[in-house]
Amino acid sequence: MTPETRIPDDGEQYSSEITSTTLFAAFSAARRKHALAYLTQKPVAIPLGDLAEFIALKEGEPSYDWYERVLVDLYHNHLPHLTDADLVEYDEETELVKSAVSREVVAPYLNLSEQTDS
């Protein structure tokens, strides 16, 4: 499967080989799935802290302690996985994260993943 992906900043199309195996591996962790779902809805890069806050709320644990745990887990575990798979871009200097794929690429996999979670 070779879906068309986009660079969110300028909208130019480029071809990137993203296999279904890559996407299913990304969705194998709930935090990565939540991160991709959230980031593909955002037209610009967002602070990593905002992503961690969203995931903490999504997990039903809105405490500061849980937010910190999510933030550390994203930084050390999930962001490296997603950036290695070319699904997100993360700038360590500014701590901004953005989707490297369009919503249309991940939407079918998100829908399938949500169906199997039910």
Protein backbone atom coordinates (compact mmCIF):
# COMPACT_ATOMS: atom_id res chain seq x y z
CA MET A 1 0.00 0.00 0.00
CA THR A 2 1.45 3.33 -1.02
CA PRO A 3 -0.86 6.10 0.15
CA GLU A 4 -0.28 9.72 -0.69
CA THR A 5 0.92 11.66 2.30
CA ARG A 6 1.28 15.38 2.73
CA ILE A 7 3.43 17.85 4.53
CA PRO A 8 0.92 19.79 6.66
CA ASP A 9 2.79 23.13 6.43
CA ASP A 10 2.70 23.68 2.70
CA GLY A 11 0.27 21.05 1.46
CA GLU A 12 2.60 19.72 -1.24
CA GLN A 13 2.02 16.08 -2.09
CA TYR A 14 4.79 13.55 -1.93
CA SER A 15 4.76 9.82 -2.22
CA SER A 16 5.79 7.89 0.83
CA GLU A 17 5.51 4.17 1.27
CA ILE A 18 3.50 3.53 4.39
CA THR A 19 2.50 -0.06 4.70
CA SER A 20 -0.53 -1.36 6.51
CA THR A 21 1.89 -3.26 8.75
CA THR A 22 3.49 0.04 9.77
CA LEU A 23 0.11 1.55 10.58
CA PHE A 24 -1.08 -1.49 12.50
CA ALA A 25 2.17 -1.48 14.50
CA ALA A 26 1.57 2.18 15.30
CA PHE A 27 -1.99 1.44 16.40
CA SER A 28 -0.93 -1.47 18.59
CA ALA A 29 -0.45 1.00 21.44
CA ALA A 30 -3.45 3.06 22.52
CA ARG A 31 -1.33 6.18 23.14
CA ARG A 32 0.09 6.10 19.63
CA LYS A 33 -3.40 5.63 18.23
CA HIS A 34 -4.72 8.58 20.26
CA ALA A 35 -1.72 10.67 19.22
CA LEU A 36 -2.22 9.99 15.52
CA ALA A 37 -5.95 10.61 15.71
CA TYR A 38 -5.37 13.95 17.44
CA LEU A 39 -2.44 15.11 15.32
CA THR A 40 -4.12 14.37 11.99
CA GLN A 41 -6.92 16.74 13.01
CA LYS A 42 -4.46 19.61 13.57
CA PRO A 43 -3.33 21.70 10.58
CA VAL A 44 -0.15 22.88 12.35
CA ALA A 45 2.42 21.55 14.81
CA ILE A 46 1.35 21.54 18.45
CA PRO A 47 3.33 21.51 21.70
CA LEU A 48 4.13 18.04 23.02
CA GLY A 49 2.52 19.05 26.33
CA ASP A 50 -0.81 19.66 24.59
CA LEU A 51 -0.68 16.17 23.10
CA ALA A 52 0.14 14.66 26.50
CA GLU A 53 -2.74 16.58 28.09
CA PHE A 54 -5.16 15.32 25.42
CA ILE A 55 -4.07 11.71 25.95
CA ALA A 56 -4.28 12.01 29.76
CA LEU A 57 -7.85 13.29 29.39
CA LYS A 58 -8.67 10.57 26.86
CA GLU A 59 -7.45 7.96 29.33
CA GLY A 60 -9.69 9.41 32.03
CA GLU A 61 -6.82 10.48 34.27
CA PRO A 62 -6.69 14.30 34.21
CA SER A 63 -4.26 14.64 37.15
CA TYR A 64 -0.91 16.40 36.83
CA ASP A 65 0.90 13.23 37.88
CA TRP A 66 -0.75 11.23 35.11
CA TYR A 67 -0.02 14.02 32.60
CA GLU A 68 3.68 13.83 33.54
CA ARG A 69 3.68 10.05 33.09
CA VAL A 70 2.05 10.36 29.67
CA LEU A 71 4.51 13.09 28.66
CA VAL A 72 7.53 10.97 29.59
CA ASP A 73 6.08 7.88 27.90
CA LEU A 74 5.37 9.83 24.71
CA TYR A 75 8.84 11.33 24.61
CA HIS A 76 10.81 8.16 25.34
CA ASN A 77 8.60 5.47 23.81
CA HIS A 78 5.88 6.52 21.40
CA LEU A 79 7.34 9.53 19.57
CA PRO A 80 10.48 7.64 18.53
CA HIS A 81 8.28 4.83 17.18
CA LEU A 82 6.05 7.25 15.25
CA THR A 83 8.92 9.32 13.89
CA ASP A 84 10.85 6.21 12.79
CA ALA A 85 7.72 5.11 10.92
CA ASP A 86 7.52 8.56 9.24
CA LEU A 87 4.05 9.14 10.69
CA VAL A 88 4.89 12.22 12.78
CA GLU A 89 7.58 14.87 12.90
CA TYR A 90 8.98 16.06 16.21
CA ASP A 91 11.25 19.06 16.72
CA GLU A 92 13.14 18.52 19.98
CA GLU A 93 14.32 22.12 20.10
CA THR A 94 10.83 23.66 20.01
CA GLU A 95 9.06 20.57 21.41
CA LEU A 96 6.50 20.76 18.61
CA VAL A 97 4.95 17.67 17.08
CA LYS A 98 2.90 17.34 13.89
CA SER A 99 1.46 14.69 11.68
CA ALA A 100 3.48 13.72 8.62
CA VAL A 101 0.48 12.03 6.97
CA SER A 102 -2.97 13.22 6.03
CA ARG A 103 -6.09 12.19 7.91
CA GLU A 104 -7.26 10.25 4.84
CA VAL A 105 -4.27 7.91 5.13
CA VAL A 106 -4.89 6.89 8.73
CA ALA A 107 -8.69 7.24 8.92
CA PRO A 108 -9.53 3.71 7.66
CA TYR A 109 -7.08 2.20 10.14
CA LEU A 110 -8.39 4.38 12.97
CA ASN A 111 -11.94 3.28 12.18
CA LEU A 112 -10.94 -0.38 12.07
CA SER A 113 -9.00 -0.04 15.31
CA GLU A 114 -11.95 1.60 17.06
CA GLN A 115 -14.24 -1.21 15.91
CA THR A 116 -11.96 -3.86 17.37
CA ASP A 117 -11.65 -1.93 20.66
CA SER A 118 -15.41 -2.11 21.22
